[in-house]
C-alpha atoms as a PDB file:
ATOM      1  CA  MET A   1      38.330 -19.638  21.863  1.00  0.00           C
ATOM      2  CA  LYS A   2      41.060 -18.610  23.754  1.00  0.00           C
ATOM      3  CA  ARG A   3      42.514 -22.088  23.950  1.00  0.00           C
ATOM      4  CA  LYS A   4      42.171 -22.389  20.206  1.00  0.00           C
ATOM      5  CA  ILE A   5      44.083 -19.270  19.659  1.00  0.00           C
ATOM      6  CA  LEU A   6      46.937 -20.438  21.974  1.00  0.00           C
ATOM      7  CA  GLY A   7      47.007 -23.767  20.115  1.00  0.00           C
ATOM      8  CA  PHE A   8      47.341 -22.112  16.605  1.00  0.00           C
ATOM      9  CA  ALA A   9      50.082 -19.977  17.917  1.00  0.00           C
ATOM     10  CA  LEU A  10      51.953 -22.762  19.309  1.00  0.00           C
ATOM     11  CA  LEU A  11      51.533 -24.837  16.126  1.00  0.00           C
ATOM     12  CA  ILE A  12      52.949 -21.830  14.030  1.00  0.00           C
ATOM     13  CA  ILE A  13      56.007 -21.651  16.486  1.00  0.00           C
ATOM     14  CA  SER A  14      56.474 -25.414  16.479  1.00  0.00           C
ATOM     15  CA  LEU A  15      56.645 -25.562  12.690  1.00  0.00           C
ATOM     16  CA  VAL A  16      59.029 -22.572  12.595  1.00  0.00           C
ATOM     17  CA  LEU A  17      61.201 -24.118  15.057  1.00  0.00           C
ATOM     18  CA  ILE A  18      61.243 -27.793  13.480  1.00  0.00           C
ATOM     19  CA  PHE A  19      62.054 -26.468   9.770  1.00  0.00           C
ATOM     20  CA  TRP A  20      64.682 -23.972  11.156  1.00  0.00           C
ATOM     21  CA  LYS A  21      67.981 -24.343   9.409  1.00  0.00           C
ATOM     22  CA  ILE A  22      67.108 -27.826   8.837  1.00  0.00           C
ATOM     23  CA  GLU A  23      68.583 -29.880   5.719  1.00  0.00           C
ATOM     24  CA  PHE A  24      67.079 -32.669   4.438  1.00  0.00           C
ATOM     25  CA  ASN A  25      70.066 -34.836   3.918  1.00  0.00           C
ATOM     26  CA  PHE A  26      69.450 -37.552   6.337  1.00  0.00           C
ATOM     27  CA  THR A  27      72.687 -39.326   6.073  1.00  0.00           C
ATOM     28  CA  GLY A  28      74.873 -40.667   9.255  1.00  0.00           C
ATOM     29  CA  ASN A  29      77.026 -37.517   9.104  1.00  0.00           C
ATOM     30  CA  PHE A  30      73.956 -35.252   9.101  1.00  0.00           C
ATOM     31  CA  ILE A  31      72.483 -37.043  12.123  1.00  0.00           C
ATOM     32  CA  ARG A  32      75.730 -36.970  14.023  1.00  0.00           C
ATOM     33  CA  GLU A  33      76.497 -33.260  13.493  1.00  0.00           C
ATOM     34  CA  HIS A  34      72.776 -32.383  14.159  1.00  0.00           C
ATOM     35  CA  PHE A  35      73.045 -33.887  17.544  1.00  0.00           C
ATOM     36  CA  HIS A  36      76.135 -31.867  18.604  1.00  0.00           C
ATOM     37  CA  ASN A  37      75.081 -28.446  17.314  1.00  0.00           C
ATOM     38  CA  GLY A  38      72.617 -26.090  19.007  1.00  0.00           C
ATOM     39  CA  ASP A  39      70.086 -26.377  16.493  1.00  0.00           C
ATOM     40  CA  PHE A  40      68.909 -30.032  17.685  1.00  0.00           C
ATOM     41  CA  PHE A  41      67.487 -28.420  20.929  1.00  0.00           C
ATOM     42  CA  TRP A  42      65.388 -25.936  19.034  1.00  0.00           C
ATOM     43  CA  HIS A  43      63.986 -28.675  16.627  1.00  0.00           C
ATOM     44  CA  LEU A  44      63.215 -30.951  19.745  1.00  0.00           C
ATOM     45  CA  LEU A  45      61.414 -27.875  21.519  1.00  0.00           C
ATOM     46  CA  GLY A  46      59.353 -27.600  18.301  1.00  0.00           C
ATOM     47  CA  VAL A  47      58.426 -30.949  18.239  1.00  0.00           C
ATOM     48  CA  ALA A  48      57.264 -30.706  21.769  1.00  0.00           C
ATOM     49  CA  PHE A  49      55.349 -27.309  20.887  1.00  0.00           C
ATOM     50  CA  LEU A  50      53.775 -29.381  18.153  1.00  0.00           C
ATOM     51  CA  VAL A  51      52.356 -32.184  20.312  1.00  0.00           C
ATOM     52  CA  VAL A  52      50.955 -29.642  22.826  1.00  0.00           C
ATOM     53  CA  SER A  53      49.387 -27.482  19.998  1.00  0.00           C
ATOM     54  CA  LEU A  54      47.616 -30.595  18.545  1.00  0.00           C
ATOM     55  CA  PHE A  55      46.288 -31.538  21.921  1.00  0.00           C
ATOM     56  CA  MET A  56      44.861 -27.960  22.682  1.00  0.00           C
ATOM     57  CA  LEU A  57      43.317 -27.903  19.212  1.00  0.00           C
ATOM     58  CA  ASN A  58      41.592 -31.397  19.487  1.00  0.00           C
ATOM     59  CA  VAL A  59      40.324 -31.360  23.122  1.00  0.00           C
ATOM     60  CA  LYS A  60      36.730 -30.809  23.014  1.00  0.00           C
ATOM     61  CA  LYS A  61      34.804 -28.557  25.437  1.00  0.00           C
ATOM     62  CA  GLN A  62      34.005 -30.344  28.621  1.00  0.00           C
ATOM     63  CA  GLY A  63      31.300 -28.322  30.030  1.00  0.00           C
ATOM     64  CA  LEU A  64      28.107 -26.568  28.864  1.00  0.00           C
ATOM     65  CA  GLU A  65      27.801 -22.946  28.739  1.00  0.00           C
ATOM     66  CA  TYR A  66      24.608 -21.473  30.306  1.00  0.00           C
ATOM     67  CA  LEU A  67      23.241 -17.875  29.960  1.00  0.00           C
ATOM     68  CA  VAL A  68      21.029 -16.754  33.100  1.00  0.00           C
ATOM     69  CA  ILE A  69      18.583 -14.010  32.489  1.00  0.00           C
ATOM     70  CA  PRO A  70      16.861 -12.679  35.458  1.00  0.00           C
ATOM     71  CA  THR A  71      13.424 -11.309  35.183  1.00  0.00           C
ATOM     72  CA  GLY A  72      13.085  -7.368  35.193  1.00  0.00           C
ATOM     73  CA  TRP A  73      14.903  -4.904  33.607  1.00  0.00           C
ATOM     74  CA  GLU A  74      14.291  -6.387  30.152  1.00  0.00           C
ATOM     75  CA  GLU A  75      15.163  -3.126  28.337  1.00  0.00           C
ATOM     76  CA  ASP A  76      18.676  -3.873  29.307  1.00  0.00           C
ATOM     77  CA  ARG A  77      19.006  -7.470  29.781  1.00  0.00           C
ATOM     78  CA  ILE A  78      17.362  -8.623  26.674  1.00  0.00           C
ATOM     79  CA  PRO A  79      19.767  -6.518  24.096  1.00  0.00           C
ATOM     80  CA  GLN A  80      22.542  -7.843  26.319  1.00  0.00           C
ATOM     81  CA  ALA A  81      21.602 -11.410  25.907  1.00  0.00           C
ATOM     82  CA  LYS A  82      21.609 -11.161  22.154  1.00  0.00           C
ATOM     83  CA  LYS A  83      24.870  -9.674  22.192  1.00  0.00           C
ATOM     84  CA  GLU A  84      26.374 -12.797  24.067  1.00  0.00           C
ATOM     85  CA  LEU A  85      24.389 -15.302  21.717  1.00  0.00           C
ATOM     86  CA  ASP A  86      26.028 -13.307  18.854  1.00  0.00           C
ATOM     87  CA  ARG A  87      29.539 -13.455  20.495  1.00  0.00           C
ATOM     88  CA  ARG A  88      29.455 -17.190  21.267  1.00  0.00           C
ATOM     89  CA  LYS A  89      27.729 -20.657  21.285  1.00  0.00           C
ATOM     90  CA  ILE A  90      25.387 -21.008  24.235  1.00  0.00           C
ATOM     91  CA  ASP A  91      23.955 -24.333  25.244  1.00  0.00           C
ATOM     92  CA  LYS A  92      20.824 -23.353  27.499  1.00  0.00           C
ATOM     93  CA  ILE A  93      19.233 -20.194  28.044  1.00  0.00           C
ATOM     94  CA  VAL A  94      18.005 -19.951  31.793  1.00  0.00           C
ATOM     95  CA  ILE A  95      15.343 -17.568  32.629  1.00  0.00           C
ATOM     96  CA  THR A  96      14.360 -16.792  36.225  1.00  0.00           C
ATOM     97  CA  GLY A  97      11.284 -15.665  38.043  1.00  0.00           C
ATOM     98  CA  HIS A  98       8.476 -17.158  39.859  1.00  0.00           C
ATOM     99  CA  VAL A  99       5.226 -16.238  38.373  1.00  0.00           C
ATOM    100  CA  ASP A 100       1.647 -17.145  39.435  1.00  0.00           C
ATOM    101  CA  LYS A 101       0.319 -19.476  36.565  1.00  0.00           C
ATOM    102  CA  LYS A 102      -2.820 -17.229  36.316  1.00  0.00           C
ATOM    103  CA  LYS A 103      -0.512 -14.097  35.854  1.00  0.00           C
ATOM    104  CA  THR A 104       2.083 -15.479  33.562  1.00  0.00           C
ATOM    105  CA  LYS A 105       0.780 -13.801  30.521  1.00  0.00           C
ATOM    106  CA  GLY A 106       2.322 -10.214  30.068  1.00  0.00           C
ATOM    107  CA  SER A 107       4.781 -11.023  32.904  1.00  0.00           C
ATOM    108  CA  HIS A 108       8.560 -10.176  32.774  1.00  0.00           C
ATOM    109  CA  ARG A 109       9.326 -13.648  32.333  1.00  0.00           C
ATOM    110  CA  GLN A 110       7.181 -14.051  29.296  1.00  0.00           C
ATOM    111  CA  LYS A 111       8.527 -11.067  27.768  1.00  0.00           C
ATOM    112  CA  ILE A 112      12.070 -12.370  27.881  1.00  0.00           C
ATOM    113  CA  TYR A 113      10.977 -15.493  26.653  1.00  0.00           C
ATOM    114  CA  LYS A 114       9.127 -14.293  23.913  1.00  0.00           C
ATOM    115  CA  ALA A 115      12.191 -12.136  22.966  1.00  0.00           C
ATOM    116  CA  MET A 116      14.452 -15.236  22.824  1.00  0.00           C
ATOM    117  CA  ARG A 117      11.913 -17.154  20.705  1.00  0.00           C
ATOM    118  CA  GLU A 118      11.846 -14.212  18.068  1.00  0.00           C
ATOM    119  CA  TYR A 119      15.556 -14.239  18.344  1.00  0.00           C
ATOM    120  CA  GLY A 120      15.585 -17.944  17.106  1.00  0.00           C
ATOM    121  CA  ILE A 121      16.128 -19.858  20.403  1.00  0.00           C
ATOM    122  CA  LYS A 122      14.168 -23.113  20.526  1.00  0.00           C
ATOM    123  CA  PRO A 123      12.023 -24.085  23.486  1.00  0.00           C
ATOM    124  CA  SER A 124      14.215 -27.125  24.116  1.00  0.00           C
ATOM    125  CA  GLU A 125      17.275 -24.747  24.237  1.00  0.00           C
ATOM    126  CA  MET A 126      15.658 -22.663  27.239  1.00  0.00           C
ATOM    127  CA  LYS A 127      14.626 -23.551  30.575  1.00  0.00           C
ATOM    128  CA  ILE A 128      12.481 -21.605  33.319  1.00  0.00           C
ATOM    129  CA  LEU A 129      13.782 -21.614  36.797  1.00  0.00           C
ATOM    130  CA  ARG A 130      10.855 -21.033  39.264  1.00  0.00           C
ATOM    131  CA  GLY A 131      12.858 -19.746  41.984  1.00  0.00           C
ATOM    132  CA  VAL A 132      10.891 -17.253  44.396  1.00  0.00           C
ATOM    133  CA  ASP A 133      14.084 -15.330  44.725  1.00  0.00           C
ATOM    134  CA  SER A 134      17.844 -15.328  43.867  1.00  0.00           C
ATOM    135  CA  GLU A 135      18.510 -18.032  46.659  1.00  0.00           C
ATOM    136  CA  GLU A 136      16.141 -20.309  45.363  1.00  0.00           C
ATOM    137  CA  ASP A 137      17.546 -19.771  41.936  1.00  0.00           C
ATOM    138  CA  VAL A 138      21.069 -20.630  43.046  1.00  0.00           C
ATOM    139  CA  LEU A 139      19.757 -23.798  44.618  1.00  0.00           C
ATOM    140  CA  TYR A 140      17.921 -24.906  41.557  1.00  0.00           C
ATOM    141  CA  LEU A 141      21.042 -24.016  39.245  1.00  0.00           C
ATOM    142  CA  GLY A 142      23.055 -26.345  41.583  1.00  0.00           C
ATOM    143  CA  LYS A 143      21.123 -29.139  40.798  1.00  0.00           C
ATOM    144  CA  MET A 144      21.569 -28.372  36.921  1.00  0.00           C
ATOM    145  CA  LEU A 145      25.078 -27.954  36.714  1.00  0.00           C
ATOM    146  CA  LYS A 146      28.485 -29.914  36.872  1.00  0.00           C
ATOM    147  CA  ALA A 147      32.242 -29.216  37.012  1.00  0.00           C
ATOM    148  CA  GLY A 148      33.440 -27.530  33.936  1.00  0.00           C
ATOM    149  CA  ASP A 149      30.216 -25.972  32.964  1.00  0.00           C
ATOM    150  CA  GLU A 150      30.360 -21.981  32.519  1.00  0.00           C
ATOM    151  CA  VAL A 151      27.406 -19.670  33.578  1.00  0.00           C
ATOM    152  CA  VAL A 152      27.129 -16.066  32.412  1.00  0.00           C
ATOM    153  CA  PHE A 153      24.649 -13.836  34.526  1.00  0.00           C
ATOM    154  CA  ASP A 154      22.995 -11.027  32.564  1.00  0.00           C
ATOM    155  CA  THR A 155      22.520  -8.380  34.956  1.00  0.00           C
ATOM    156  CA  PHE A 156      24.022  -5.314  36.544  1.00  0.00           C
ATOM    157  CA  PRO A 157      27.308  -5.775  38.715  1.00  0.00           C
ATOM    158  CA  LEU A 158      25.829  -5.482  42.199  1.00  0.00           C
ATOM    159  CA  HIS A 159      22.891  -8.109  41.398  1.00  0.00           C
ATOM    160  CA  TYR A 160      25.770 -10.222  40.009  1.00  0.00           C
ATOM    161  CA  ALA A 161      27.606  -9.710  43.512  1.00  0.00           C
ATOM    162  CA  GLU A 162      24.718 -10.942  45.229  1.00  0.00           C
ATOM    163  CA  TYR A 163      24.527 -14.229  43.045  1.00  0.00           C
ATOM    164  CA  LYS A 164      28.531 -14.635  43.796  1.00  0.00           C
ATOM    165  CA  VAL A 165      27.875 -14.673  47.644  1.00  0.00           C
ATOM    166  CA  LEU A 166      24.944 -16.876  47.213  1.00  0.00           C
ATOM    167  CA  ILE A 167      27.112 -19.411  45.055  1.00  0.00           C
ATOM    168  CA  ASN A 168      29.727 -19.443  47.624  1.00  0.00           C
ATOM    169  CA  LYS A 169      27.413 -20.207  50.382  1.00  0.00           C
ATOM    170  CA  ALA A 170      25.766 -22.843  48.402  1.00  0.00           C
ATOM    171  CA  LYS A 171      29.312 -24.413  47.772  1.00  0.00           C
ATOM    172  CA  ARG A 172      29.889 -24.245  51.441  1.00  0.00           C
ATOM    173  CA  ASP A 173      26.548 -26.223  51.871  1.00  0.00           C
ATOM    174  CA  ASP A 174      27.412 -28.589  49.307  1.00  0.00           C
ATOM    175  CA  LYS A 175      24.496 -27.503  47.398  1.00  0.00           C
ATOM    176  CA  PHE A 176      26.375 -26.023  44.276  1.00  0.00           C
ATOM    177  CA  PRO A 177      29.215 -28.087  42.438  1.00  0.00           C
ATOM    178  CA  LYS A 178      32.818 -26.716  42.471  1.00  0.00           C
ATOM    179  CA  GLY A 179      34.796 -26.119  39.221  1.00  0.00           C
ATOM    180  CA  VAL A 180      31.845 -24.013  37.710  1.00  0.00           C
ATOM    181  CA  LYS A 181      32.989 -20.974  36.146  1.00  0.00           C
ATOM    182  CA  ILE A 182      30.811 -17.687  36.673  1.00  0.00           C
ATOM    183  CA  ARG A 183      30.973 -14.452  34.826  1.00  0.00           C
ATOM    184  CA  ASN A 184      29.040 -11.194  34.311  1.00  0.00           C
ATOM    185  CA  ALA A 185      27.509 -10.225  31.158  1.00  0.00           C
ATOM    186  CA  LYS A 186      27.006  -6.467  32.671  1.00  0.00           C
ATOM    187  CA  THR A 187      24.241  -4.628  31.931  1.00  0.00           C
ATOM    188  CA  ARG A 188      23.548  -0.795  32.902  1.00  0.00           C
ATOM    189  CA  GLN A 189      23.691   0.124  36.573  1.00  0.00           C
ATOM    190  CA  GLY A 190      21.986   3.302  37.464  1.00  0.00           C
ATOM    191  CA  ILE A 191      20.644   4.690  40.793  1.00  0.00           C
ATOM    192  CA  LYS A 192      17.581   2.409  40.675  1.00  0.00           C
ATOM    193  CA  GLU A 193      20.042  -0.920  40.095  1.00  0.00           C
ATOM    194  CA  ILE A 194      22.148   0.229  42.592  1.00  0.00           C
ATOM    195  CA  ILE A 195      19.641   0.652  45.374  1.00  0.00           C
ATOM    196  CA  TYR A 196      18.220  -2.871  44.644  1.00  0.00           C
ATOM    197  CA  GLY A 197      21.524  -4.296  44.205  1.00  0.00           C
ATOM    198  CA  LEU A 198      22.707  -2.926  47.588  1.00  0.00           C
ATOM    199  CA  ALA A 199      19.651  -4.226  49.441  1.00  0.00           C
ATOM    200  CA  GLY A 200      20.062  -7.640  47.982  1.00  0.00           C
ATOM    201  CA  TRP A 201      23.835  -7.840  48.340  1.00  0.00           C
ATOM    202  CA  GLY A 202      23.820  -6.336  51.781  1.00  0.00           C
ATOM    203  CA  GLU A 203      20.965  -9.150  52.836  1.00  0.00           C
ATOM    204  CA  GLU A 204      23.550 -12.018  51.727  1.00  0.00           C
ATOM    205  CA  ILE A 205      26.475 -10.411  53.367  1.00  0.00           C
ATOM    206  CA  LEU A 206      24.680 -10.169  56.468  1.00  0.00           C
ATOM    207  CA  SER A 207      23.033 -13.476  56.648  1.00  0.00           C
ATOM    208  CA  ARG A 208      25.067 -16.550  57.841  1.00  0.00           C
ATOM    209  CA  ARG A 209      22.101 -19.292  57.755  1.00  0.00           C
ATOM    210  CA  LYS A 210      22.225 -22.294  55.631  1.00  0.00           C
ATOM    211  CA  LEU A 211      20.757 -21.713  52.078  1.00  0.00           C
ATOM    212  CA  ASP A 212      17.159 -23.434  51.711  1.00  0.00           C
ATOM    213  CA  TYR A 213      13.979 -23.020  49.854  1.00  0.00           C
ATOM    214  CA  VAL A 214      11.298 -20.391  51.040  1.00  0.00           C
ATOM    215  CA  LYS A 215       9.139 -22.922  52.565  1.00  0.00           C
ATOM    216  CA  ASN A 216      11.945 -24.590  54.709  1.00  0.00           C
ATOM    217  CA  ARG A 217      13.782 -21.267  55.767  1.00  0.00           C
ATOM    218  CA  GLU A 218      14.106 -20.506  59.480  1.00  0.00           C
ATOM    219  CA  THR A 219      14.432 -16.626  59.524  1.00  0.00           C
ATOM    220  CA  GLY A 220      14.322 -14.255  62.257  1.00  0.00           C
ATOM    221  CA  ARG A 221      11.936 -11.190  62.395  1.00  0.00           C
ATOM    222  CA  PHE A 222      14.469  -8.774  61.315  1.00  0.00           C
ATOM    223  CA  SER A 223      15.469 -10.905  58.146  1.00  0.00           C
ATOM    224  CA  GLU A 224      11.683 -11.357  57.326  1.00  0.00           C
ATOM    225  CA  THR A 225      11.211  -7.370  57.639  1.00  0.00           C
ATOM    226  CA  TYR A 226      14.264  -6.774  55.541  1.00  0.00           C
ATOM    227  CA  SER A 227      13.275  -9.009  52.871  1.00  0.00           C
ATOM    228  CA  SER A 228       9.682  -7.786  52.787  1.00  0.00           C
ATOM    229  CA  ILE A 229      11.019  -4.347  52.448  1.00  0.00           C
ATOM    230  CA  LYS A 230      13.475  -5.349  49.499  1.00  0.00           C
ATOM    231  CA  GLU A 231      10.632  -7.033  47.490  1.00  0.00           C
ATOM    232  CA  TYR A 232       8.565  -4.089  47.856  1.00  0.00           C
ATOM    233  CA  VAL A 233      11.523  -1.837  46.885  1.00  0.00           C
ATOM    234  CA  LYS A 234      12.085  -4.195  43.949  1.00  0.00           C
ATOM    235  CA  LYS A 235       8.446  -4.012  42.577  1.00  0.00           C
ATOM    236  CA  ILE A 236       8.713  -0.159  42.551  1.00  0.00           C
ATOM    237  CA  LEU A 237      12.014   0.003  40.765  1.00  0.00           C
ATOM    238  CA  ARG A 238      11.237  -2.613  38.116  1.00  0.00           C
END
């Protein structure tokens, strides 16, 4: 959108410069005098702006835009997701959250999926990430994305900070493509969100190991205890 606005602005400026003080009398005297006065420079600059503006207006978007909706806090994340969908063209909705197949009905994940279907999103326009935690979500995302894509995380700021740390680690480990833009569609951050957000963000700041799926992780006793406490707190807060 910003690219198109700038392109239109340059187009208008270019037309003003091109036709500024120009007289449609294409004789030899006109061309000679035009080259020797100061107006020629501005007309030439107008032509340059015209070329740039046409390029900006005609270049198609290179990547896809994804909206990631983590499970939990549906009362905030679902309305925010609808706002994002109203504002822009989203290519794919990504819903995170590992759920036992026997417990899918009535789960946080199903509530979000149902809300998106009611909004009008087709099943083909959605994808379920079955990551056990945010780390696995980032690893699965890394396999889906390519340079030029944009990912919008529908969550509160501290949870987004955790995602940012994980994405930087995944890039370090060559498990997440570089050139992917990320941003936060901010939801409300109250005391519950702050407690959970600090727990998750703090864990990733302290950890220096390579990212991996839960079944393959080599973690110490402290890390395992910390993760267990975090998950327990998460269940209470959600």
